[in-house]
Amino acid sequence: MNKRLANSTIWLLLCVVVTMAILWLSLMPGASAPSGLGWDKLNHAAAIAAVTFLAYFARYPAPRAGLDAFLYGVSLGALIEILQGTLTTTRSAEWGDLLADLIGAGSVLGVIFIFSLYRKQTCKIL
């Protein structure tokens, strides 16, 4: 197995583990859920940002890795809201949570975009 494939496999496994942890924490009864960062919207944004970051490195250097990771993060956030609204009695689906998920995934996409521009600029100079 080459080094690039091994690295992407590690990132993919981390992404799967974090995705499962997010799903578990999102669907457990609200009273027994940990408070996390202390504010529900910040919890959503941070969790989706983390999984978006991992998804990016699992796909890197694919041409659309950033966009794919963003779509994965937003899709996971939407899935969580659907599942909370349909499968749980102590949780509810909220548009504000989905907006926080968009902000988390979007912030990672923005950082990826800025670093890719910087990397291209640096390569032109060198």
Protein backbone atom coordinates (compact mmCIF):
# COMPACT_ATOMS: atom_id res chain seq x y z
CA MET A 1 0.00 0.00 0.00
CA ASN A 2 1.46 3.34 -0.97
CA LYS A 3 1.84 6.16 1.54
CA ARG A 4 -0.89 8.35 -0.02
CA LEU A 5 -3.44 5.52 0.12
CA ALA A 6 -2.48 4.71 3.72
CA ASN A 7 -2.90 8.35 4.75
CA SER A 8 -6.32 8.64 3.07
CA THR A 9 -7.41 5.41 4.75
CA ILE A 10 -6.48 6.78 8.16
CA TRP A 11 -8.38 10.03 7.49
CA LEU A 12 -11.37 8.04 6.22
CA LEU A 13 -11.41 5.86 9.34
CA LEU A 14 -11.19 8.94 11.56
CA CYS A 15 -14.04 10.51 9.60
CA VAL A 16 -16.20 7.40 10.06
CA VAL A 17 -15.47 7.24 13.80
CA VAL A 18 -16.26 10.94 14.31
CA THR A 19 -19.41 10.64 12.18
CA MET A 20 -20.64 7.72 14.30
CA ALA A 21 -19.85 9.61 17.52
CA ILE A 22 -21.75 12.67 16.27
CA LEU A 23 -24.75 10.54 15.32
CA TRP A 24 -24.72 8.78 18.68
CA LEU A 25 -24.47 12.03 20.64
CA SER A 26 -27.15 13.67 18.49
CA LEU A 27 -29.67 10.87 18.94
CA MET A 28 -29.18 10.05 22.62
CA PRO A 29 -31.83 11.39 25.01
CA GLY A 30 -31.39 15.11 25.53
CA ALA A 31 -31.22 14.88 29.33
CA SER A 32 -28.28 12.45 29.27
CA ALA A 33 -26.35 14.21 26.49
CA PRO A 34 -23.15 15.98 27.54
CA SER A 35 -23.27 19.79 27.36
CA GLY A 36 -20.25 19.86 25.05
CA LEU A 37 -19.15 23.44 24.41
CA GLY A 38 -22.01 24.87 26.42
CA TRP A 39 -24.14 26.21 23.57
CA ASP A 40 -26.13 23.93 21.27
CA LYS A 41 -25.43 25.92 18.08
CA LEU A 42 -21.70 25.99 18.80
CA ASN A 43 -21.79 22.22 19.38
CA HIS A 44 -23.41 21.77 15.96
CA ALA A 45 -20.98 24.07 14.16
CA ALA A 46 -17.90 22.51 15.80
CA ALA A 47 -19.00 18.91 15.23
CA ILE A 48 -19.81 19.49 11.56
CA ALA A 49 -16.61 21.49 11.08
CA ALA A 50 -14.60 18.60 12.52
CA VAL A 51 -16.20 15.98 10.30
CA THR A 52 -15.89 18.28 7.25
CA PHE A 53 -12.18 18.72 7.98
CA LEU A 54 -11.69 14.95 8.24
CA ALA A 55 -13.72 14.31 5.09
CA TYR A 56 -11.54 16.79 3.20
CA PHE A 57 -8.34 15.00 4.11
CA ALA A 58 -9.93 11.63 3.36
CA ARG A 59 -10.56 12.89 -0.22
CA TYR A 60 -7.44 15.05 -0.70
CA PRO A 61 -5.90 15.60 -3.32
CA ALA A 62 -9.03 14.90 -5.39
CA PRO A 63 -10.00 17.97 -7.45
CA ARG A 64 -13.32 18.50 -5.64
CA ALA A 65 -12.21 17.37 -2.18
CA GLY A 66 -13.24 20.64 -0.51
CA LEU A 67 -16.68 20.73 -2.12
CA ASP A 68 -17.23 17.03 -1.44
CA ALA A 69 -16.30 17.51 2.21
CA PHE A 70 -18.62 20.52 2.51
CA LEU A 71 -21.50 18.57 1.00
CA TYR A 72 -20.78 15.65 3.33
CA GLY A 73 -20.83 17.88 6.40
CA VAL A 74 -24.04 19.65 5.39
CA SER A 75 -25.70 16.35 4.46
CA LEU A 76 -24.76 14.87 7.83
CA GLY A 77 -26.22 17.90 9.57
CA ALA A 78 -29.46 17.61 7.58
CA LEU A 79 -29.65 13.87 8.30
CA ILE A 80 -29.23 14.52 12.02
CA GLU A 81 -32.08 17.03 11.99
CA ILE A 82 -34.34 14.61 10.12
CA LEU A 83 -33.49 11.78 12.51
CA GLN A 84 -33.96 13.98 15.58
CA GLY A 85 -37.36 15.04 14.28
CA THR A 86 -38.54 11.53 13.45
CA LEU A 87 -36.77 9.03 15.72
CA THR A 88 -36.46 10.80 19.05
CA THR A 89 -38.96 12.12 21.56
CA THR A 90 -36.52 14.24 23.57
CA ARG A 91 -34.89 16.00 20.61
CA SER A 92 -36.37 18.18 17.88
CA ALA A 93 -35.37 19.25 14.40
CA GLU A 94 -34.44 22.94 14.24
CA TRP A 95 -33.60 25.21 11.34
CA GLY A 96 -31.14 27.03 13.60
CA ASP A 97 -29.19 23.81 14.08
CA LEU A 98 -29.00 23.30 10.32
CA LEU A 99 -27.79 26.88 9.92
CA ALA A 100 -25.09 26.22 12.54
CA ASP A 101 -24.11 23.08 10.58
CA LEU A 102 -23.84 25.17 7.40
CA ILE A 103 -21.64 27.67 9.20
CA GLY A 104 -19.38 24.91 10.52
CA ALA A 105 -18.98 23.23 7.13
CA GLY A 106 -18.72 26.58 5.35
CA SER A 107 -15.97 27.81 7.65
CA VAL A 108 -13.87 24.75 6.84
CA LEU A 109 -14.54 25.21 3.12
CA GLY A 110 -13.47 28.85 3.45
CA VAL A 111 -10.21 27.89 5.15
CA ILE A 112 -9.55 25.25 2.48
CA PHE A 113 -10.19 27.83 -0.24
CA ILE A 114 -7.87 30.42 1.35
CA PHE A 115 -5.06 27.89 1.82
CA SER A 116 -5.43 26.61 -1.72
CA LEU A 117 -5.18 30.18 -3.06
CA TYR A 118 -2.14 30.80 -0.89
CA ARG A 119 -0.52 27.56 -2.05
CA LYS A 120 -1.11 28.45 -5.73
CA GLN A 121 0.27 31.96 -5.19
CA THR A 122 3.36 30.58 -3.49
CA CYS A 123 3.94 28.09 -6.31
CA LYS A 124 3.76 30.89 -8.91
CA ILE A 125 6.39 32.86 -7.06
CA LEU A 126 8.70 29.88 -6.67
